[in-house]
Each structure stands twice: as structure tokens, then as C-alpha cells.
Protein backbone atom coordinates (compact mmCIF):
# COMPACT_ATOMS: atom_id res chain seq x y z
CA MET A 1 -104.63 -186.05 18.89
CA PHE A 2 -107.19 -183.46 20.04
CA ARG A 3 -107.49 -182.05 16.50
CA SER A 4 -108.14 -185.53 15.06
CA VAL A 5 -110.85 -186.23 17.62
CA ALA A 6 -112.43 -182.83 16.95
CA ILE A 7 -112.49 -183.42 13.20
CA ALA A 8 -113.98 -186.88 13.68
CA PHE A 9 -116.64 -185.38 15.97
CA CYS A 10 -117.54 -182.69 13.41
CA VAL A 11 -117.76 -185.24 10.62
CA SER A 12 -119.98 -187.41 12.79
CA ILE A 13 -122.31 -184.47 13.54
CA PHE A 14 -122.47 -183.58 9.84
CA PHE A 15 -123.49 -187.05 8.76
CA CYS A 16 -125.95 -187.43 11.61
CA GLY A 17 -127.58 -184.15 10.59
CA SER A 18 -127.71 -185.20 6.95
CA ALA A 19 -129.26 -188.54 7.82
CA SER A 20 -132.18 -186.82 9.56
CA ALA A 21 -133.08 -184.66 6.56
CA THR A 22 -136.07 -185.72 4.45
CA GLN A 23 -136.55 -185.24 0.71
CA TYR A 24 -140.12 -184.32 -0.28
CA ASP A 25 -142.02 -184.30 -3.55
CA VAL A 26 -144.21 -181.19 -3.37
CA TYR A 27 -147.62 -180.88 -5.04
CA LEU A 28 -149.74 -177.73 -4.89
CA LEU A 29 -153.53 -177.43 -4.79
CA GLY A 30 -155.34 -174.19 -5.64
CA GLY A 31 -158.78 -173.01 -6.70
CA GLN A 32 -162.17 -172.08 -5.29
CA SER A 33 -164.72 -173.90 -3.11
CA ASN A 34 -164.52 -177.32 -4.77
CA GLY A 35 -160.74 -177.05 -4.46
CA ALA A 36 -161.13 -176.27 -0.78
CA GLY A 37 -163.65 -179.10 -0.53
CA ARG A 38 -167.17 -179.49 0.79
CA GLY A 39 -167.01 -183.24 1.36
CA ASP A 40 -168.75 -184.40 4.56
CA ALA A 41 -166.16 -186.36 6.55
CA THR A 42 -168.87 -188.61 8.04
CA GLU A 43 -169.58 -189.92 4.51
CA ILE A 44 -166.10 -191.34 3.98
CA PRO A 45 -166.64 -195.13 3.68
CA GLU A 46 -166.15 -197.04 6.91
CA GLY A 47 -162.71 -198.60 7.11
CA SER A 48 -161.24 -196.32 4.45
CA VAL A 49 -157.66 -195.21 5.02
CA LEU A 50 -158.90 -191.71 4.19
CA ALA A 51 -160.89 -191.55 7.44
CA SER A 52 -157.75 -191.44 9.61
CA PRO A 53 -154.63 -189.28 9.48
CA GLN A 54 -152.27 -190.52 6.77
CA GLU A 55 -148.93 -190.57 8.50
CA ASP A 56 -147.01 -191.09 5.25
CA VAL A 57 -148.28 -187.91 3.56
CA LEU A 58 -147.41 -184.44 4.83
CA PHE A 59 -149.91 -181.58 4.51
CA TYR A 60 -149.75 -177.80 4.83
CA TRP A 61 -152.64 -175.41 4.24
CA HIS A 62 -153.85 -171.87 4.72
CA LYS A 63 -157.43 -170.63 4.87
CA THR A 64 -158.97 -167.18 4.74
CA LEU A 65 -162.66 -167.91 5.39
CA SER A 66 -163.99 -167.57 8.91
CA THR A 67 -165.15 -170.95 10.15
CA ARG A 68 -166.15 -172.96 13.18
CA ASN A 69 -166.25 -176.42 11.62
CA GLY A 70 -163.47 -178.63 12.86
CA ASN A 71 -160.64 -177.22 10.83
CA LEU A 72 -157.08 -178.34 11.13
CA THR A 73 -154.62 -175.82 12.46
CA GLN A 74 -153.38 -173.90 9.48
CA ASP A 75 -149.86 -172.81 8.53
CA GLN A 76 -148.05 -175.83 9.93
CA PHE A 77 -147.13 -179.34 8.83
CA VAL A 78 -149.59 -182.07 9.80
CA ASP A 79 -150.40 -185.59 8.66
CA LEU A 80 -152.87 -185.47 5.78
CA GLN A 81 -156.40 -185.74 7.21
CA THR A 82 -159.93 -184.33 7.18
CA GLY A 83 -160.68 -180.85 8.47
CA ALA A 84 -159.25 -178.68 5.70
CA GLY A 85 -162.50 -178.16 3.81
CA LYS A 86 -164.08 -175.01 2.49
CA GLY A 87 -165.26 -173.77 5.86
CA ARG A 88 -167.70 -170.96 6.48
CA THR A 89 -169.30 -169.18 9.43
CA ALA A 90 -172.37 -171.46 9.20
CA PRO A 91 -170.81 -174.73 8.01
CA ALA A 92 -172.84 -177.30 6.11
CA HIS A 93 -170.96 -180.15 7.82
CA ASP A 94 -169.08 -180.42 11.09
CA VAL A 95 -165.85 -181.58 9.42
CA GLU A 96 -165.22 -181.10 5.71
CA PHE A 97 -162.49 -182.24 3.34
CA GLY A 98 -161.35 -181.83 -0.24
CA ALA A 99 -159.60 -183.79 -2.95
CA GLU A 100 -156.30 -183.58 -1.09
CA LEU A 101 -157.15 -186.74 0.91
CA SER A 102 -157.30 -189.10 -2.05
CA LEU A 103 -154.80 -187.11 -4.13
CA GLY A 104 -152.18 -187.66 -1.46
CA ARG A 105 -153.12 -191.31 -1.06
CA THR A 106 -152.96 -191.97 -4.80
CA LEU A 107 -149.56 -190.32 -5.12
CA ALA A 108 -148.13 -192.08 -2.06
CA ASP A 109 -149.32 -195.45 -3.35
CA ALA A 110 -147.92 -194.75 -6.82
CA TYR A 111 -144.56 -193.61 -5.44
CA PRO A 112 -143.97 -195.64 -2.27
CA ASP A 113 -140.31 -194.67 -2.13
CA ARG A 114 -141.06 -190.95 -2.12
CA ASN A 115 -142.24 -188.59 0.62
CA ILE A 116 -145.29 -186.63 -0.54
CA LEU A 117 -146.14 -183.11 0.64
CA ILE A 118 -149.32 -181.34 -0.44
CA VAL A 119 -149.58 -177.57 0.01
CA LYS A 120 -153.10 -176.18 -0.34
CA TYR A 121 -154.66 -172.75 -0.55
CA CYS A 122 -158.12 -172.31 -2.06
CA HIS A 123 -160.78 -169.65 -1.57
CA GLY A 124 -164.48 -170.27 -2.05
CA GLY A 125 -166.11 -168.17 -4.74
CA SER A 126 -162.82 -166.80 -6.04
CA ASN A 127 -162.36 -165.96 -9.69
CA LEU A 128 -159.45 -166.36 -12.08
CA HIS A 129 -159.92 -163.08 -13.94
CA THR A 130 -159.08 -160.84 -10.96
CA GLN A 131 -158.44 -162.62 -7.66
CA TRP A 132 -156.09 -165.23 -9.15
CA ALA A 133 -154.66 -162.84 -11.75
CA GLU A 134 -151.19 -161.35 -11.39
CA GLY A 135 -151.23 -159.29 -8.20
CA GLY A 136 -154.65 -160.65 -7.20
CA ARG A 137 -155.20 -161.26 -3.50
CA CYS A 138 -155.86 -164.99 -3.84
CA TYR A 139 -152.87 -165.53 -6.08
CA ASN A 140 -150.62 -163.55 -3.74
CA THR A 141 -151.86 -165.51 -0.72
CA PHE A 142 -151.34 -168.77 -2.61
CA VAL A 143 -147.73 -167.88 -3.45
CA ASP A 144 -147.10 -166.72 0.12
CA THR A 145 -148.57 -169.97 1.50
CA VAL A 146 -146.38 -172.13 -0.72
CA GLN A 147 -143.28 -170.10 0.08
CA ALA A 148 -143.99 -170.29 3.81
CA ALA A 149 -144.22 -174.09 3.59
CA LEU A 150 -140.98 -174.30 1.62
CA ASP A 151 -139.24 -172.00 4.09
CA LYS A 152 -140.28 -174.33 6.91
CA LEU A 153 -138.76 -177.25 5.02
CA ASP A 154 -135.54 -175.27 4.67
CA ASP A 155 -135.59 -174.40 8.37
CA ASN A 156 -135.99 -178.09 9.20
CA GLY A 157 -133.01 -178.99 7.04
CA ASP A 158 -135.24 -180.90 4.60
CA THR A 159 -135.02 -180.81 0.81
CA TYR A 160 -137.71 -180.89 -1.83
CA THR A 161 -138.56 -181.26 -5.49
CA MET A 162 -141.45 -179.23 -6.87
CA ARG A 163 -143.56 -181.71 -8.85
CA GLY A 164 -146.75 -180.00 -9.97
CA MET A 165 -150.01 -178.22 -9.27
CA ALA A 166 -153.68 -179.23 -9.23
CA TRP A 167 -156.24 -176.54 -10.11
CA MET A 168 -159.96 -176.83 -9.24
CA GLN A 169 -161.74 -173.69 -10.38
CA GLY A 170 -163.90 -172.16 -13.09
CA GLU A 171 -167.39 -171.74 -11.66
CA SER A 172 -166.88 -168.08 -10.77
CA ASP A 173 -165.71 -167.24 -14.29
CA ALA A 174 -168.61 -168.97 -16.07
CA ASN A 175 -170.44 -165.74 -16.80
CA ALA A 176 -170.95 -163.45 -19.75
CA ALA A 177 -168.27 -160.99 -18.66
CA HIS A 178 -165.39 -163.44 -18.22
CA ALA A 179 -166.02 -166.87 -19.77
CA ASN A 180 -164.55 -165.94 -23.15
CA ALA A 181 -161.30 -164.84 -21.51
CA TYR A 182 -160.89 -167.98 -19.40
CA GLN A 183 -158.57 -169.75 -21.80
CA ASP A 184 -156.09 -166.88 -21.96
CA ASN A 185 -156.36 -166.33 -18.21
CA LEU A 186 -155.71 -170.01 -17.50
CA ILE A 187 -152.65 -170.07 -19.75
CA ASP A 188 -151.40 -166.97 -17.95
CA LEU A 189 -151.94 -168.61 -14.55
CA ILE A 190 -149.94 -171.69 -15.56
CA SER A 191 -147.11 -169.50 -16.83
CA ARG A 192 -147.02 -167.40 -13.65
CA VAL A 193 -147.14 -170.41 -11.33
CA ARG A 194 -144.28 -172.02 -13.20
CA GLU A 195 -142.26 -168.82 -13.10
CA ASP A 196 -142.98 -167.91 -9.48
CA LEU A 197 -142.89 -171.34 -7.84
CA PHE A 198 -141.19 -173.80 -10.19
CA ASP A 199 -138.17 -171.79 -11.36
CA ASP A 200 -139.60 -171.53 -14.88
CA ALA A 201 -139.72 -175.31 -15.27
CA ASP A 202 -142.60 -176.88 -17.21
CA ALA A 203 -144.03 -178.39 -14.04
CA HIS A 204 -147.03 -180.69 -14.36
CA PHE A 205 -150.35 -178.87 -14.11
CA VAL A 206 -153.61 -180.83 -13.77
CA LEU A 207 -157.04 -179.19 -13.71
CA THR A 208 -160.57 -180.44 -13.19
CA ARG A 209 -163.04 -179.53 -15.91
CA LEU A 210 -166.46 -178.14 -14.95
CA SER A 211 -168.89 -181.05 -14.72
CA VAL A 212 -172.29 -181.57 -16.28
CA ASN A 213 -173.25 -182.88 -12.84
CA GLN A 214 -172.87 -179.38 -11.40
CA TYR A 215 -175.33 -177.67 -13.72
CA GLY A 216 -178.95 -178.31 -14.53
CA ALA A 217 -178.40 -176.77 -17.95
CA MET A 218 -175.05 -176.29 -19.66
CA ARG A 219 -175.52 -172.66 -20.63
CA GLY A 220 -173.13 -171.09 -23.11
CA THR A 221 -170.84 -169.44 -20.59
CA VAL A 222 -170.25 -172.76 -18.79
CA GLN A 223 -169.56 -174.39 -22.13
CA ASN A 224 -167.01 -171.68 -22.91
CA VAL A 225 -165.10 -172.36 -19.69
CA ARG A 226 -165.29 -176.12 -20.29
CA ALA A 227 -163.98 -175.64 -23.81
CA ALA A 228 -161.05 -173.62 -22.47
CA GLN A 229 -160.28 -176.30 -19.88
CA THR A 230 -160.34 -178.89 -22.65
CA ASN A 231 -158.21 -176.83 -25.06
CA VAL A 232 -155.41 -175.64 -22.78
CA PRO A 233 -153.74 -179.10 -22.46
CA ASN A 234 -153.41 -179.05 -26.26
CA LEU A 235 -151.79 -175.62 -26.16
CA VAL A 236 -149.47 -175.85 -23.14
CA ALA A 237 -146.95 -178.61 -22.46
CA LYS A 238 -147.39 -181.01 -19.53
CA VAL A 239 -150.95 -179.94 -18.75
CA ALA A 240 -153.88 -182.34 -18.35
CA PHE A 241 -157.54 -182.08 -17.40
CA VAL A 242 -159.80 -184.45 -15.50
CA ASP A 243 -163.11 -185.22 -17.19
CA THR A 244 -165.63 -185.01 -14.33
CA ASP A 245 -168.84 -185.92 -16.18
CA ASP A 246 -169.21 -189.51 -14.90
CA ASP A 247 -172.31 -189.26 -12.69
CA THR A 248 -171.35 -192.27 -10.56
CA LEU A 249 -167.87 -191.02 -9.70
CA PHE A 250 -168.12 -187.24 -9.62
CA THR A 251 -171.31 -186.87 -7.63
CA THR A 252 -172.65 -183.58 -6.25
CA TYR A 253 -175.11 -182.59 -3.54
CA ASP A 254 -178.77 -182.79 -4.52
CA ASN A 255 -179.56 -179.52 -2.73
CA ALA A 256 -176.40 -177.72 -3.90
CA PRO A 257 -175.15 -179.42 -7.06
CA ILE A 258 -172.40 -176.89 -7.66
CA HIS A 259 -170.42 -178.64 -4.90
CA PHE A 260 -169.06 -182.19 -5.09
CA ASP A 261 -170.04 -184.45 -2.22
CA ALA A 262 -167.75 -186.85 -0.32
CA ASN A 263 -167.82 -189.49 -3.04
CA GLY A 264 -167.20 -186.84 -5.68
CA GLN A 265 -164.28 -185.33 -3.81
CA ILE A 266 -162.65 -188.71 -3.23
CA ASN A 267 -162.89 -189.58 -6.92
CA LEU A 268 -161.64 -186.13 -7.92
CA GLY A 269 -158.52 -186.66 -5.83
CA ASN A 270 -157.99 -190.13 -7.27
CA ALA A 271 -158.32 -188.78 -10.80
CA LEU A 272 -155.95 -185.88 -10.16
CA GLY A 273 -153.34 -188.26 -8.75
CA LYS A 274 -153.63 -190.62 -11.69
CA ALA A 275 -153.27 -187.67 -14.08
CA PHE A 276 -150.02 -186.63 -12.39
CA VAL A 277 -148.73 -190.19 -12.69
CA SER A 278 -149.68 -190.28 -16.37
CA LEU A 279 -147.82 -187.03 -17.01
CA ASP A 280 -144.77 -188.63 -15.37
CA THR A 281 -144.94 -191.54 -17.80
CA PRO A 282 -142.88 -190.96 -20.98
């Protein structure tokens, strides 16, 4: 009798524990300052769901820049919200945000039966040729950040499916020394990310192309990076780019056009999310 009760108790505990576990779809976000985000949180439209914490989207991020401007606590799970922008010692805005806000919202709306987790590590001014290359400090920190988030899921008894990565970078490689190598370096990055974080699966990879709105003149080195960002989806499976040239959607700051403003960041996130959904569609 005692043994039967004990077995029933153990079975009950097992199923109770299993019922509390959550399955997450994990999306990664990497890049430089526009990936981190310089959107001014006060410019999010009044009444927008993006202005408040999104309780149905989980977020995890890590930063390396010193900052005083209203950042979220890093290295822990939080509801997706503002405060995880680029950040700097003398911030341009009190609270900043990036494309993660609308990326998460777009994915959650497209997949209402799934639990979305976004893991973000970006570093302003970072380059692909060295800092995001194999063994580069930004790439290593990115991998460590993702692994730390996944370890926390494991510790919580949760499960996950690695869905894809968004990449917002290119400005720091648009120079005479490195622009011509950007295509090969980008292909290498995609291969390494898939090997190191997606178990060699052809995970979806979506990138934003450098925008004409960021540059007063599209000099040759910028054109070379743009051409690489356009070409790579034709060369590597399950890769897409977001065309950011629409000057009503992908707006930048008048005094610092290299950075997308709040409207630009929101539309970048929407476009990234839609691109992931399109890649899911047979």
C-alpha cells in the first residue's frame, strides 16, 4: 500500500513539474549601434503596445557600453520593453530602444500559440572583419550571452527551439580597407552562428541592408557593403535582407543620420519579423 502511494506521489510530482515548463521559440539579435538601438522611447506613439512591457514576449540582453540612461537590468529574463538601447556615458536620450520591441511584437502576433524569446547582444561601432570574426571579442560575448540565456532556460526546466537570427550591422565595415571583404565575412558569420548556436542547422538569418537614408552620398565603399548584403541571400540558404531605403518608414535623425530614430527602429523590427515569417512560409 505504501509503495503504491509513493509511486502515485512521484508520478504526480513529475507531471506537475512538466506542466510548469514552457517551450520557447528563440530569436537572436546582433550587430552594432543600430542593432542596439538609438530610438527615443518618448517618441513611441501614444497608446502603442510598444510603450509598455510586453508580458507575452520574453527578453534577455547583455551590454558592454558604460551608460546612465535608463537601461534594463542585463543578464536576466524580463518582459520585452524599452531601456535596452545603445547606451553611452553621455546618452542622447533618457531611455532608448531598438528593433527588438517591434520584432518581438510582430513575431508574437504572427505566432500567437508560441512563446517568443529574444536574446540580444550588440555593440556600437563594432566591425565584422575583426570584432565579430571568429575569436573576436564581440562574437565571443554574443555566443556567451546566448548560451547564458539558454542555460537559464535549462535551469528553469524550460525547453526551446532555436528559430533564427537578426543582424543589423555594416556601417563600420564600409571603408576602403574592409568593404570588399564584407560578403565573404558575412557568409562566414552565418556559417559560424549556425554551427555554434544552431547545431549546424540552416537557421533563418535576416539582415538589414545599409540605407540610403543613412548617408548623404552613397560612396563606393557603402555600395560595396550594400551589394554584399543584397547578394548573400542568393548565395546562402534561408537568408533574407530588409530593404531599408523607404524614407517614410526607415527614418533617421536629422543631426545624426547614421542612426535610425524611433519610427525607423519600429519599422525595422516590423520588417525583420515579417521576413522571419516569410522564411517560415514554404
